Amino acid sequence: MVDLISSDRTRTSADSVGKVLDRTQTIDDVVENAGYLRHVTQIIDRDLGELHHQAIEAQINARGRSIAKASVSEMLERLSHKGFAWRDIASMLSVSVPALRRWRSGEAPTGENSLALARLLGLIDILEKDHLVADVAVWMEMHLVPEAPVRPIDLIKEGHLVDVIELAGEQVVPGEVLDRLSPDWKRRYKSTVEVFEADDGEFGFRLPGKGNT
């Protein structure tokens, strides 16, 4: 967690940036000071990123607490009316479709599940009102990158709600999110099929190392 009080070290370092190059320097001085400035920049970037994540998490919780005043059946109907399939709602909440059916019939979920449901609606509220996502259900079905079958729905299922908000706000690019959450995603989702152009100019498909098909 970012300690706003103890972040004086970052401010002090940042304040000294203008002083570092304020003299005649040798090339060795320039290299040393450039490395120092790069280190300071990394510290500031890391601290700001952590602070931003905390702020988004607090925002989701605040919206969720307000929405949680509604009944569970009402919250589920709101999700359904926004175009989400019941299987996707169940996936994002990490429960079964029959469990949703029981909740709609009046069975009370656990407090943890009720909070997860309210937070999900809070997330959707932020996407619609703050980031102007017109059709959230469709947007959440889109793959982050063409070469990997990972959607915002999948991120939510794994608890990465903040990443979904940052993606909608274009504060990160999809590849950065995948690199952070699954560093080996490129290898895992690498296609086993190659597209090639034949001698006649037509395109075909083949397995790597195989002849034309």
N, C-alpha and C. Protein backbone atom coordinates (compact mmCIF):
# COMPACT_ATOMS: atom_id res chain seq x y z
N MET A 1 0.85 -1.19 0.00
CA MET A 1 0.00 0.00 0.00
C MET A 1 0.89 1.24 0.00
N VAL A 2 0.49 2.23 -0.78
CA VAL A 2 1.26 3.46 -0.83
C VAL A 2 1.04 4.27 0.43
N ASP A 3 2.12 4.69 1.07
CA ASP A 3 2.05 5.52 2.26
C ASP A 3 2.25 6.95 1.82
N LEU A 4 1.14 7.72 1.80
CA LEU A 4 1.22 9.09 1.29
C LEU A 4 2.11 9.97 2.16
N ILE A 5 2.19 9.64 3.44
CA ILE A 5 3.02 10.45 4.33
C ILE A 5 4.49 10.16 4.08
N SER A 6 4.84 8.88 3.99
CA SER A 6 6.24 8.52 3.81
C SER A 6 6.70 8.67 2.39
N SER A 7 5.83 9.09 1.48
CA SER A 7 6.23 9.26 0.08
C SER A 7 7.09 10.50 -0.11
N ASP A 8 7.48 11.15 1.01
CA ASP A 8 8.39 12.30 0.92
C ASP A 8 9.68 11.93 0.22
N ARG A 9 10.08 10.66 0.35
CA ARG A 9 11.32 10.24 -0.30
C ARG A 9 11.21 10.39 -1.81
N THR A 10 10.02 10.11 -2.33
CA THR A 10 9.82 10.24 -3.77
C THR A 10 9.81 11.70 -4.17
N ARG A 11 9.10 12.53 -3.39
CA ARG A 11 9.05 13.95 -3.71
C ARG A 11 10.44 14.58 -3.62
N THR A 12 11.21 14.17 -2.59
CA THR A 12 12.55 14.71 -2.45
C THR A 12 13.42 14.34 -3.64
N SER A 13 13.29 13.07 -4.06
CA SER A 13 14.05 12.63 -5.22
C SER A 13 13.64 13.39 -6.46
N ALA A 14 12.34 13.59 -6.63
CA ALA A 14 11.83 14.29 -7.81
C ALA A 14 12.29 15.75 -7.81
N ASP A 15 12.31 16.37 -6.61
CA ASP A 15 12.74 17.76 -6.52
C ASP A 15 14.20 17.93 -6.90
N SER A 16 14.96 16.84 -6.69
CA SER A 16 16.39 16.94 -6.97
C SER A 16 16.72 16.72 -8.44
N VAL A 17 15.71 16.33 -9.22
CA VAL A 17 15.95 16.03 -10.62
C VAL A 17 16.55 17.22 -11.33
N GLY A 18 15.99 18.40 -11.08
CA GLY A 18 16.48 19.59 -11.78
C GLY A 18 17.88 19.98 -11.39
N LYS A 19 18.34 19.50 -10.22
CA LYS A 19 19.66 19.87 -9.75
C LYS A 19 20.75 18.93 -10.27
N VAL A 20 20.33 17.73 -10.69
CA VAL A 20 21.30 16.72 -11.05
C VAL A 20 22.16 17.13 -12.24
N LEU A 21 21.52 17.76 -13.23
CA LEU A 21 22.23 18.12 -14.44
C LEU A 21 22.63 19.60 -14.46
N ASP A 22 22.54 20.25 -13.30
CA ASP A 22 22.77 21.70 -13.24
C ASP A 22 24.24 22.02 -13.01
N ARG A 23 25.12 21.45 -13.82
CA ARG A 23 26.54 21.75 -13.74
C ARG A 23 27.23 21.14 -14.95
N THR A 24 28.45 21.54 -15.17
CA THR A 24 29.25 20.96 -16.26
C THR A 24 29.63 19.54 -15.87
N GLN A 25 29.38 18.60 -16.77
CA GLN A 25 29.59 17.21 -16.43
C GLN A 25 30.46 16.50 -17.46
N THR A 26 31.11 15.47 -17.00
CA THR A 26 31.80 14.56 -17.90
C THR A 26 30.79 13.55 -18.41
N ILE A 27 31.15 12.77 -19.41
CA ILE A 27 30.24 11.75 -19.93
C ILE A 27 29.92 10.71 -18.86
N ASP A 28 30.89 10.43 -17.97
CA ASP A 28 30.63 9.49 -16.88
C ASP A 28 29.57 10.04 -15.93
N ASP A 29 29.64 11.37 -15.68
CA ASP A 29 28.64 12.00 -14.83
C ASP A 29 27.25 11.87 -15.45
N VAL A 30 27.18 12.12 -16.76
CA VAL A 30 25.89 12.06 -17.46
C VAL A 30 25.31 10.65 -17.36
N VAL A 31 26.13 9.64 -17.59
CA VAL A 31 25.65 8.25 -17.52
C VAL A 31 25.15 7.94 -16.11
N GLU A 32 25.93 8.33 -15.10
CA GLU A 32 25.54 8.04 -13.72
C GLU A 32 24.24 8.75 -13.35
N ASN A 33 24.15 10.03 -13.71
CA ASN A 33 22.97 10.80 -13.34
C ASN A 33 21.74 10.38 -14.13
N ALA A 34 21.94 9.98 -15.39
CA ALA A 34 20.81 9.49 -16.18
C ALA A 34 20.25 8.21 -15.56
N GLY A 35 21.15 7.36 -15.08
CA GLY A 35 20.70 6.14 -14.41
C GLY A 35 19.94 6.45 -13.13
N TYR A 36 20.42 7.46 -12.41
CA TYR A 36 19.74 7.88 -11.18
C TYR A 36 18.33 8.41 -11.49
N LEU A 37 18.23 9.25 -12.51
CA LEU A 37 16.92 9.81 -12.88
C LEU A 37 15.97 8.72 -13.34
N ARG A 38 16.50 7.75 -14.05
CA ARG A 38 15.65 6.64 -14.49
C ARG A 38 15.11 5.87 -13.29
N HIS A 39 15.96 5.67 -12.30
CA HIS A 39 15.53 4.97 -11.09
C HIS A 39 14.44 5.75 -10.36
N VAL A 40 14.61 7.07 -10.26
CA VAL A 40 13.61 7.92 -9.61
C VAL A 40 12.28 7.83 -10.35
N THR A 41 12.36 7.87 -11.68
CA THR A 41 11.13 7.79 -12.49
C THR A 41 10.41 6.48 -12.24
N GLN A 42 11.16 5.38 -12.14
CA GLN A 42 10.54 4.08 -11.89
C GLN A 42 9.84 4.04 -10.53
N ILE A 43 10.46 4.67 -9.53
CA ILE A 43 9.85 4.72 -8.20
C ILE A 43 8.54 5.51 -8.24
N ILE A 44 8.57 6.67 -8.89
CA ILE A 44 7.37 7.51 -8.97
C ILE A 44 6.27 6.78 -9.73
N ASP A 45 6.63 6.16 -10.85
CA ASP A 45 5.64 5.45 -11.67
C ASP A 45 5.02 4.30 -10.90
N ARG A 46 5.84 3.55 -10.17
CA ARG A 46 5.33 2.42 -9.38
C ARG A 46 4.38 2.91 -8.29
N ASP A 47 4.78 3.96 -7.57
CA ASP A 47 3.96 4.47 -6.48
C ASP A 47 2.64 5.04 -6.99
N LEU A 48 2.68 5.76 -8.11
CA LEU A 48 1.45 6.32 -8.67
C LEU A 48 0.54 5.21 -9.17
N GLY A 49 1.13 4.18 -9.76
CA GLY A 49 0.32 3.06 -10.24
C GLY A 49 -0.39 2.36 -9.10
N GLU A 50 0.32 2.16 -7.99
CA GLU A 50 -0.28 1.51 -6.82
C GLU A 50 -1.37 2.37 -6.22
N LEU A 51 -1.13 3.67 -6.16
CA LEU A 51 -2.14 4.59 -5.63
C LEU A 51 -3.38 4.59 -6.50
N HIS A 52 -3.18 4.56 -7.82
CA HIS A 52 -4.32 4.55 -8.74
C HIS A 52 -5.14 3.27 -8.58
N HIS A 53 -4.47 2.15 -8.41
CA HIS A 53 -5.18 0.88 -8.19
C HIS A 53 -6.02 0.94 -6.92
N GLN A 54 -5.44 1.50 -5.85
CA GLN A 54 -6.18 1.61 -4.60
C GLN A 54 -7.41 2.50 -4.75
N ALA A 55 -7.25 3.58 -5.52
CA ALA A 55 -8.37 4.51 -5.71
C ALA A 55 -9.50 3.85 -6.49
N ILE A 56 -9.15 3.09 -7.53
CA ILE A 56 -10.18 2.39 -8.31
C ILE A 56 -10.88 1.35 -7.46
N GLU A 57 -10.12 0.61 -6.67
CA GLU A 57 -10.71 -0.40 -5.80
C GLU A 57 -11.69 0.25 -4.82
N ALA A 58 -11.32 1.39 -4.26
CA ALA A 58 -12.21 2.11 -3.35
C ALA A 58 -13.46 2.60 -4.08
N GLN A 59 -13.28 3.01 -5.33
CA GLN A 59 -14.42 3.48 -6.12
C GLN A 59 -15.40 2.34 -6.38
N ILE A 60 -14.89 1.17 -6.74
CA ILE A 60 -15.76 0.00 -6.97
C ILE A 60 -16.51 -0.36 -5.69
N ASN A 61 -15.79 -0.35 -4.56
CA ASN A 61 -16.43 -0.69 -3.29
C ASN A 61 -17.53 0.31 -2.93
N ALA A 62 -17.27 1.61 -3.17
CA ALA A 62 -18.26 2.64 -2.84
C ALA A 62 -19.52 2.47 -3.68
N ARG A 63 -19.34 2.26 -4.99
CA ARG A 63 -20.51 2.04 -5.85
C ARG A 63 -21.24 0.77 -5.43
N GLY A 64 -20.48 -0.26 -5.10
CA GLY A 64 -21.08 -1.53 -4.72
C GLY A 64 -21.90 -1.41 -3.44
N ARG A 65 -21.38 -0.69 -2.45
CA ARG A 65 -22.12 -0.53 -1.19
C ARG A 65 -23.46 0.17 -1.41
N SER A 66 -23.47 1.13 -2.31
CA SER A 66 -24.72 1.82 -2.61
C SER A 66 -25.71 0.90 -3.31
N ILE A 67 -25.21 0.12 -4.25
CA ILE A 67 -26.07 -0.79 -5.02
C ILE A 67 -26.56 -1.95 -4.15
N ALA A 68 -25.78 -2.35 -3.15
CA ALA A 68 -26.12 -3.49 -2.31
C ALA A 68 -27.39 -3.27 -1.49
N LYS A 69 -27.91 -2.05 -1.48
CA LYS A 69 -29.17 -1.79 -0.77
C LYS A 69 -30.35 -2.46 -1.45
N ALA A 70 -30.20 -2.78 -2.75
CA ALA A 70 -31.26 -3.46 -3.48
C ALA A 70 -31.27 -4.95 -3.12
N SER A 71 -32.36 -5.64 -3.44
CA SER A 71 -32.45 -7.08 -3.18
C SER A 71 -31.57 -7.83 -4.18
N VAL A 72 -31.20 -9.05 -3.83
CA VAL A 72 -30.37 -9.87 -4.71
C VAL A 72 -31.09 -10.14 -6.03
N SER A 73 -32.37 -10.47 -5.97
CA SER A 73 -33.13 -10.74 -7.20
C SER A 73 -33.17 -9.51 -8.09
N GLU A 74 -33.28 -8.33 -7.50
CA GLU A 74 -33.30 -7.10 -8.28
C GLU A 74 -31.94 -6.86 -8.94
N MET A 75 -30.86 -7.11 -8.20
CA MET A 75 -29.53 -6.93 -8.78
C MET A 75 -29.30 -7.90 -9.94
N LEU A 76 -29.76 -9.14 -9.79
CA LEU A 76 -29.60 -10.11 -10.87
C LEU A 76 -30.40 -9.70 -12.10
N GLU A 77 -31.59 -9.18 -11.89
CA GLU A 77 -32.40 -8.74 -13.03
C GLU A 77 -31.74 -7.57 -13.75
N ARG A 78 -31.10 -6.70 -13.00
CA ARG A 78 -30.39 -5.58 -13.62
C ARG A 78 -29.30 -6.08 -14.54
N LEU A 79 -28.56 -7.10 -14.10
CA LEU A 79 -27.52 -7.68 -14.94
C LEU A 79 -28.11 -8.33 -16.18
N SER A 80 -29.21 -9.06 -16.00
CA SER A 80 -29.86 -9.71 -17.14
C SER A 80 -30.37 -8.69 -18.16
N HIS A 81 -30.95 -7.60 -17.69
CA HIS A 81 -31.47 -6.57 -18.58
C HIS A 81 -30.37 -5.85 -19.35
N LYS A 82 -29.14 -5.91 -18.83
CA LYS A 82 -28.03 -5.28 -19.53
C LYS A 82 -27.45 -6.18 -20.62
N GLY A 83 -28.03 -7.38 -20.76
CA GLY A 83 -27.62 -8.27 -21.85
C GLY A 83 -26.69 -9.39 -21.48
N PHE A 84 -26.39 -9.57 -20.19
CA PHE A 84 -25.50 -10.66 -19.79
C PHE A 84 -26.25 -11.99 -19.75
N ALA A 85 -25.63 -13.02 -20.31
CA ALA A 85 -26.19 -14.37 -20.21
C ALA A 85 -25.98 -14.88 -18.78
N TRP A 86 -26.87 -15.74 -18.34
CA TRP A 86 -26.77 -16.25 -16.97
C TRP A 86 -25.46 -17.00 -16.76
N ARG A 87 -24.97 -17.70 -17.79
CA ARG A 87 -23.70 -18.43 -17.64
C ARG A 87 -22.54 -17.46 -17.40
N ASP A 88 -22.61 -16.28 -18.04
CA ASP A 88 -21.54 -15.30 -17.87
C ASP A 88 -21.62 -14.64 -16.49
N ILE A 89 -22.84 -14.38 -16.04
CA ILE A 89 -23.01 -13.83 -14.69
C ILE A 89 -22.47 -14.81 -13.66
N ALA A 90 -22.83 -16.10 -13.84
CA ALA A 90 -22.34 -17.13 -12.92
C ALA A 90 -20.81 -17.22 -12.95
N SER A 91 -20.25 -17.13 -14.15
CA SER A 91 -18.79 -17.19 -14.28
C SER A 91 -18.11 -16.04 -13.57
N MET A 92 -18.61 -14.82 -13.75
CA MET A 92 -17.99 -13.65 -13.12
C MET A 92 -18.10 -13.69 -11.61
N LEU A 93 -19.14 -14.35 -11.10
CA LEU A 93 -19.33 -14.46 -9.65
C LEU A 93 -18.73 -15.74 -9.07
N SER A 94 -18.20 -16.60 -9.97
CA SER A 94 -17.62 -17.89 -9.57
C SER A 94 -18.63 -18.77 -8.83
N VAL A 95 -19.85 -18.80 -9.35
CA VAL A 95 -20.90 -19.68 -8.81
C VAL A 95 -21.52 -20.43 -9.98
N SER A 96 -22.45 -21.31 -9.68
CA SER A 96 -23.10 -22.09 -10.73
C SER A 96 -24.38 -21.39 -11.20
N VAL A 97 -24.83 -21.73 -12.39
CA VAL A 97 -26.10 -21.20 -12.90
C VAL A 97 -27.27 -21.63 -12.00
N PRO A 98 -27.31 -22.90 -11.53
CA PRO A 98 -28.39 -23.28 -10.59
C PRO A 98 -28.41 -22.43 -9.33
N ALA A 99 -27.23 -21.99 -8.87
CA ALA A 99 -27.19 -21.12 -7.68
C ALA A 99 -27.89 -19.80 -7.98
N LEU A 100 -27.65 -19.25 -9.16
CA LEU A 100 -28.34 -18.02 -9.55
C LEU A 100 -29.84 -18.23 -9.59
N ARG A 101 -30.23 -19.38 -10.09
CA ARG A 101 -31.66 -19.69 -10.18
C ARG A 101 -32.28 -19.71 -8.79
N ARG A 102 -31.57 -20.28 -7.83
CA ARG A 102 -32.09 -20.33 -6.46
C ARG A 102 -32.16 -18.93 -5.86
N TRP A 103 -31.17 -18.10 -6.14
CA TRP A 103 -31.20 -16.72 -5.62
C TRP A 103 -32.39 -15.97 -6.19
N ARG A 104 -32.67 -16.17 -7.46
CA ARG A 104 -33.80 -15.49 -8.09
C ARG A 104 -35.13 -15.96 -7.50
N SER A 105 -35.12 -17.17 -6.97
CA SER A 105 -36.35 -17.73 -6.37
C SER A 105 -36.51 -17.35 -4.91
N GLY A 106 -35.54 -16.61 -4.38
CA GLY A 106 -35.68 -16.14 -3.00
C GLY A 106 -34.67 -16.68 -2.02
N GLU A 107 -33.84 -17.65 -2.43
CA GLU A 107 -32.82 -18.17 -1.51
C GLU A 107 -31.73 -17.12 -1.33
N ALA A 108 -31.35 -16.89 -0.10
CA ALA A 108 -30.35 -15.85 0.19
C ALA A 108 -28.94 -16.38 -0.05
N PRO A 109 -28.13 -15.66 -0.83
CA PRO A 109 -26.73 -16.05 -0.99
C PRO A 109 -25.93 -15.69 0.26
N THR A 110 -24.70 -16.12 0.30
CA THR A 110 -23.83 -15.72 1.40
C THR A 110 -23.54 -14.22 1.31
N GLY A 111 -23.10 -13.65 2.41
CA GLY A 111 -22.75 -12.23 2.39
C GLY A 111 -21.64 -11.95 1.39
N GLU A 112 -20.70 -12.88 1.27
CA GLU A 112 -19.59 -12.71 0.33
C GLU A 112 -20.10 -12.65 -1.11
N ASN A 113 -21.06 -13.55 -1.43
CA ASN A 113 -21.61 -13.55 -2.79
C ASN A 113 -22.48 -12.32 -3.06
N SER A 114 -23.19 -11.87 -2.05
CA SER A 114 -24.00 -10.65 -2.21
C SER A 114 -23.10 -9.45 -2.49
N LEU A 115 -21.97 -9.37 -1.77
CA LEU A 115 -21.04 -8.27 -1.99
C LEU A 115 -20.41 -8.36 -3.37
N ALA A 116 -20.06 -9.58 -3.81
CA ALA A 116 -19.47 -9.75 -5.14
C ALA A 116 -20.45 -9.31 -6.23
N LEU A 117 -21.72 -9.62 -6.04
CA LEU A 117 -22.76 -9.22 -6.98
C LEU A 117 -22.88 -7.70 -7.03
N ALA A 118 -22.89 -7.06 -5.87
CA ALA A 118 -23.00 -5.60 -5.82
C ALA A 118 -21.76 -4.94 -6.42
N ARG A 119 -20.58 -5.50 -6.15
CA ARG A 119 -19.35 -4.95 -6.72
C ARG A 119 -19.34 -5.08 -8.25
N LEU A 120 -19.87 -6.17 -8.75
CA LEU A 120 -19.95 -6.35 -10.20
C LEU A 120 -20.82 -5.27 -10.82
N LEU A 121 -21.96 -5.00 -10.20
CA LEU A 121 -22.82 -3.92 -10.70
C LEU A 121 -22.15 -2.56 -10.53
N GLY A 122 -21.38 -2.39 -9.46
CA GLY A 122 -20.63 -1.15 -9.29
C GLY A 122 -19.61 -0.97 -10.40
N LEU A 123 -18.94 -2.04 -10.75
CA LEU A 123 -17.99 -2.01 -11.86
C LEU A 123 -18.68 -1.59 -13.16
N ILE A 124 -19.82 -2.20 -13.43
CA ILE A 124 -20.56 -1.89 -14.65
C ILE A 124 -21.01 -0.43 -14.66
N ASP A 125 -21.42 0.06 -13.51
CA ASP A 125 -21.83 1.46 -13.39
C ASP A 125 -20.68 2.40 -13.74
N ILE A 126 -19.47 2.06 -13.28
CA ILE A 126 -18.30 2.87 -13.59
C ILE A 126 -17.98 2.82 -15.08
N LEU A 127 -18.07 1.63 -15.66
CA LEU A 127 -17.79 1.49 -17.09
C LEU A 127 -18.76 2.33 -17.94
N GLU A 128 -20.03 2.32 -17.54
CA GLU A 128 -21.04 3.04 -18.32
C GLU A 128 -20.95 4.55 -18.12
N LYS A 129 -20.86 4.98 -16.87
CA LYS A 129 -20.96 6.41 -16.58
C LYS A 129 -19.63 7.15 -16.69
N ASP A 130 -18.55 6.50 -16.26
CA ASP A 130 -17.26 7.17 -16.23
C ASP A 130 -16.43 6.95 -17.49
N HIS A 131 -16.63 5.80 -18.14
CA HIS A 131 -15.81 5.47 -19.31
C HIS A 131 -16.64 5.29 -20.58
N LEU A 132 -17.93 5.60 -20.49
CA LEU A 132 -18.81 5.68 -21.67
C LEU A 132 -18.83 4.40 -22.50
N VAL A 133 -18.82 3.25 -21.83
CA VAL A 133 -18.98 1.97 -22.53
C VAL A 133 -20.48 1.77 -22.76
N ALA A 134 -20.91 1.90 -24.01
CA ALA A 134 -22.34 1.92 -24.31
C ALA A 134 -23.00 0.57 -24.08
N ASP A 135 -22.36 -0.51 -24.50
CA ASP A 135 -22.92 -1.85 -24.33
C ASP A 135 -21.90 -2.69 -23.58
N VAL A 136 -22.02 -2.69 -22.27
CA VAL A 136 -21.02 -3.35 -21.43
C VAL A 136 -20.97 -4.85 -21.68
N ALA A 137 -22.13 -5.48 -21.86
CA ALA A 137 -22.16 -6.93 -22.05
C ALA A 137 -21.38 -7.33 -23.29
N VAL A 138 -21.53 -6.58 -24.37
CA VAL A 138 -20.79 -6.87 -25.61
C VAL A 138 -19.32 -6.58 -25.43
N TRP A 139 -19.00 -5.44 -24.81
CA TRP A 139 -17.60 -5.05 -24.60
C TRP A 139 -16.86 -6.09 -23.79
N MET A 140 -17.52 -6.64 -22.76
CA MET A 140 -16.88 -7.62 -21.90
C MET A 140 -16.65 -8.96 -22.60
N GLU A 141 -17.31 -9.19 -23.73
CA GLU A 141 -17.13 -10.43 -24.48
C GLU A 141 -15.96 -10.35 -25.45
N MET A 142 -15.44 -9.15 -25.69
CA MET A 142 -14.39 -8.97 -26.69
C MET A 142 -13.05 -9.47 -26.16
N HIS A 143 -12.28 -10.12 -27.03
CA HIS A 143 -10.94 -10.56 -26.65
C HIS A 143 -10.03 -9.35 -26.48
N LEU A 144 -9.17 -9.41 -25.47
CA LEU A 144 -8.25 -8.31 -25.24
C LEU A 144 -7.30 -8.12 -26.42
N VAL A 145 -6.81 -9.24 -26.94
CA VAL A 145 -5.94 -9.22 -28.13
C VAL A 145 -6.40 -10.35 -29.04
N PRO A 146 -6.23 -10.21 -30.35
CA PRO A 146 -6.72 -11.24 -31.28
C PRO A 146 -6.11 -12.62 -31.05
N GLU A 147 -4.86 -12.66 -30.58
CA GLU A 147 -4.18 -13.94 -30.48
C GLU A 147 -4.41 -14.69 -29.18
N ALA A 148 -5.21 -14.14 -28.27
CA ALA A 148 -5.47 -14.83 -26.99
C ALA A 148 -6.95 -14.74 -26.65
N PRO A 149 -7.58 -15.87 -26.30
CA PRO A 149 -9.01 -15.89 -25.98
C PRO A 149 -9.31 -15.42 -24.56
N VAL A 150 -8.81 -14.25 -24.20
CA VAL A 150 -9.03 -13.70 -22.86
C VAL A 150 -9.90 -12.46 -22.98
N ARG A 151 -10.98 -12.43 -22.22
CA ARG A 151 -11.95 -11.34 -22.26
C ARG A 151 -12.02 -10.63 -20.91
N PRO A 152 -12.58 -9.42 -20.88
CA PRO A 152 -12.81 -8.80 -19.57
C PRO A 152 -13.60 -9.69 -18.62
N ILE A 153 -14.53 -10.48 -19.14
CA ILE A 153 -15.28 -11.41 -18.30
C ILE A 153 -14.33 -12.35 -17.56
N ASP A 154 -13.31 -12.81 -18.27
CA ASP A 154 -12.34 -13.74 -17.66
C ASP A 154 -11.51 -13.04 -16.58
N LEU A 155 -11.18 -11.77 -16.82
CA LEU A 155 -10.44 -11.01 -15.80
C LEU A 155 -11.27 -10.85 -14.54
N ILE A 156 -12.56 -10.55 -14.72
CA ILE A 156 -13.44 -10.37 -13.57
C ILE A 156 -13.57 -11.67 -12.79
N LYS A 157 -13.68 -12.78 -13.49
CA LYS A 157 -13.77 -14.09 -12.82
C LYS A 157 -12.58 -14.33 -11.92
N GLU A 158 -11.39 -13.85 -12.34
CA GLU A 158 -10.18 -14.04 -11.55
C GLU A 158 -9.96 -12.92 -10.53
N GLY A 159 -10.92 -11.99 -10.44
CA GLY A 159 -10.84 -10.94 -9.43
C GLY A 159 -10.10 -9.69 -9.86
N HIS A 160 -9.81 -9.55 -11.16
CA HIS A 160 -9.03 -8.40 -11.64
C HIS A 160 -9.95 -7.28 -12.13
N LEU A 161 -10.81 -6.80 -11.26
CA LEU A 161 -11.76 -5.76 -11.63
C LEU A 161 -11.06 -4.44 -11.95
N VAL A 162 -10.02 -4.13 -11.21
CA VAL A 162 -9.30 -2.87 -11.43
C VAL A 162 -8.70 -2.85 -12.83
N ASP A 163 -8.17 -3.98 -13.28
CA ASP A 163 -7.59 -4.04 -14.63
C ASP A 163 -8.64 -3.77 -15.70
N VAL A 164 -9.86 -4.23 -15.47
CA VAL A 164 -10.94 -3.99 -16.42
C VAL A 164 -11.24 -2.50 -16.52
N ILE A 165 -11.27 -1.83 -15.38
CA ILE A 165 -11.50 -0.38 -15.37
C ILE A 165 -10.38 0.34 -16.11
N GLU A 166 -9.14 -0.05 -15.85
CA GLU A 166 -8.01 0.61 -16.51
C GLU A 166 -8.02 0.37 -18.02
N LEU A 167 -8.44 -0.81 -18.43
CA LEU A 167 -8.55 -1.08 -19.87
C LEU A 167 -9.60 -0.20 -20.51
N ALA A 168 -10.75 -0.06 -19.85
CA ALA A 168 -11.82 0.78 -20.39
C ALA A 168 -11.40 2.23 -20.46
N GLY A 169 -10.61 2.68 -19.47
CA GLY A 169 -10.14 4.06 -19.44
C GLY A 169 -8.91 4.29 -20.29
N GLU A 170 -8.44 3.21 -20.97
CA GLU A 170 -7.26 3.28 -21.83
C GLU A 170 -6.03 3.78 -21.07
N GLN A 171 -5.96 3.40 -19.80
CA GLN A 171 -4.80 3.75 -18.98
C GLN A 171 -3.71 2.68 -19.09
N VAL A 172 -4.06 1.52 -19.60
CA VAL A 172 -3.11 0.45 -19.92
C VAL A 172 -3.53 -0.16 -21.24
N VAL A 173 -2.59 -0.81 -21.88
CA VAL A 173 -2.92 -1.53 -23.11
C VAL A 173 -3.10 -3.00 -22.77
N PRO A 174 -3.92 -3.72 -23.54
CA PRO A 174 -4.21 -5.12 -23.20
C PRO A 174 -2.97 -5.98 -23.01
N GLY A 175 -1.97 -5.79 -23.87
CA GLY A 175 -0.77 -6.61 -23.76
C GLY A 175 -0.08 -6.45 -22.42
N GLU A 176 -0.10 -5.24 -21.86
CA GLU A 176 0.52 -4.99 -20.56
C GLU A 176 -0.19 -5.77 -19.46
N VAL A 177 -1.52 -5.79 -19.54
CA VAL A 177 -2.30 -6.52 -18.54
C VAL A 177 -1.99 -8.01 -18.61
N LEU A 178 -1.97 -8.56 -19.83
CA LEU A 178 -1.68 -9.98 -19.99
C LEU A 178 -0.26 -10.30 -19.56
N ASP A 179 0.70 -9.43 -19.87
CA ASP A 179 2.09 -9.66 -19.45
C ASP A 179 2.20 -9.72 -17.94
N ARG A 180 1.45 -8.87 -17.25
CA ARG A 180 1.51 -8.81 -15.79
C ARG A 180 0.82 -10.01 -15.15
N LEU A 181 -0.32 -10.40 -15.68
CA LEU A 181 -1.11 -11.46 -15.06
C LEU A 181 -0.68 -12.86 -15.49
N SER A 182 -0.16 -12.96 -16.71
CA SER A 182 0.26 -14.27 -17.23
C SER A 182 1.44 -14.07 -18.17
N PRO A 183 2.66 -13.97 -17.63
CA PRO A 183 3.82 -13.64 -18.45
C PRO A 183 4.05 -14.58 -19.63
N ASP A 184 3.56 -15.83 -19.55
CA ASP A 184 3.80 -16.78 -20.63
C ASP A 184 2.62 -16.88 -21.60
N TRP A 185 1.74 -15.87 -21.62
CA TRP A 185 0.52 -15.97 -22.42
C TRP A 185 0.82 -16.10 -23.91
N LYS A 186 1.85 -15.46 -24.41
CA LYS A 186 2.16 -15.54 -25.84
C LYS A 186 2.52 -16.96 -26.24
N ARG A 187 3.30 -17.62 -25.40
CA ARG A 187 3.66 -19.01 -25.70
C ARG A 187 2.45 -19.92 -25.56
N ARG A 188 1.65 -19.68 -24.53
CA ARG A 188 0.50 -20.55 -24.26
C ARG A 188 -0.53 -20.50 -25.39
N TYR A 189 -0.74 -19.29 -25.92
CA TYR A 189 -1.78 -19.14 -26.93
C TYR A 189 -1.24 -19.07 -28.36
N LYS A 190 0.05 -19.40 -28.51
CA LYS A 190 0.65 -19.34 -29.84
C LYS A 190 -0.07 -20.30 -30.77
N SER A 191 -0.44 -19.80 -31.94
CA SER A 191 -1.17 -20.63 -32.90
C SER A 191 -0.29 -21.75 -33.42
N THR A 192 -0.89 -22.92 -33.60
CA THR A 192 -0.18 -24.06 -34.17
C THR A 192 -0.37 -24.13 -35.68
N VAL A 193 -0.98 -23.10 -36.25
CA VAL A 193 -1.24 -23.08 -37.68
C VAL A 193 -0.57 -21.85 -38.29
N GLU A 194 0.11 -22.03 -39.41
CA GLU A 194 0.73 -20.93 -40.12
C GLU A 194 -0.07 -20.61 -41.37
N VAL A 195 -0.14 -19.33 -41.69
CA VAL A 195 -0.75 -18.89 -42.95
C VAL A 195 0.39 -18.62 -43.92
N PHE A 196 0.29 -19.15 -45.16
CA PHE A 196 1.34 -18.96 -46.14
C PHE A 196 0.74 -18.59 -47.50
N GLU A 197 1.57 -17.98 -48.33
CA GLU A 197 1.16 -17.63 -49.70
C GLU A 197 1.80 -18.63 -50.66
N ALA A 198 0.97 -19.34 -51.39
CA ALA A 198 1.46 -20.36 -52.31
C ALA A 198 2.02 -19.71 -53.58
N ASP A 199 2.62 -20.54 -54.45
CA ASP A 199 3.22 -20.04 -55.68
C ASP A 199 2.21 -19.35 -56.60
N ASP A 200 0.96 -19.81 -56.51
CA ASP A 200 -0.07 -19.23 -57.37
C ASP A 200 -0.68 -17.96 -56.79
N GLY A 201 -0.14 -17.50 -55.66
CA GLY A 201 -0.66 -16.27 -55.05
C GLY A 201 -1.80 -16.49 -54.10
N GLU A 202 -2.30 -17.71 -53.99
CA GLU A 202 -3.39 -18.01 -53.06
C GLU A 202 -2.83 -18.28 -51.66
N PHE A 203 -3.63 -17.97 -50.64
CA PHE A 203 -3.21 -18.21 -49.26
C PHE A 203 -3.72 -19.56 -48.79
N GLY A 204 -2.92 -20.23 -47.97
CA GLY A 204 -3.32 -21.51 -47.41
C GLY A 204 -2.87 -21.63 -45.97
N PHE A 205 -3.11 -22.79 -45.38
CA PHE A 205 -2.77 -23.03 -43.98
C PHE A 205 -1.91 -24.29 -43.88
N ARG A 206 -1.03 -24.31 -42.89
CA ARG A 206 -0.20 -25.49 -42.67
C ARG A 206 0.30 -25.49 -41.23
N LEU A 207 0.66 -26.66 -40.75
CA LEU A 207 1.30 -26.76 -39.44
C LEU A 207 2.77 -26.39 -39.59
N PRO A 208 3.35 -25.77 -38.58
CA PRO A 208 4.76 -25.38 -38.68
C PRO A 208 5.64 -26.57 -39.06
N GLY A 209 6.51 -26.36 -40.06
CA GLY A 209 7.42 -27.39 -40.49
C GLY A 209 6.84 -28.34 -41.50
N LYS A 210 5.54 -28.20 -41.84
CA LYS A 210 4.90 -29.09 -42.79
C LYS A 210 4.90 -28.45 -44.18
N GLY A 211 4.61 -29.25 -45.18
CA GLY A 211 4.53 -28.75 -46.54
C GLY A 211 3.23 -28.01 -46.79
N ASN A 212 3.08 -27.44 -47.97
CA ASN A 212 1.87 -26.71 -48.32
C ASN A 212 0.67 -27.62 -48.35
N THR A 213 -0.53 -27.05 -47.96
CA THR A 213 -1.79 -27.80 -48.01
C THR A 213 -2.80 -27.01 -48.80
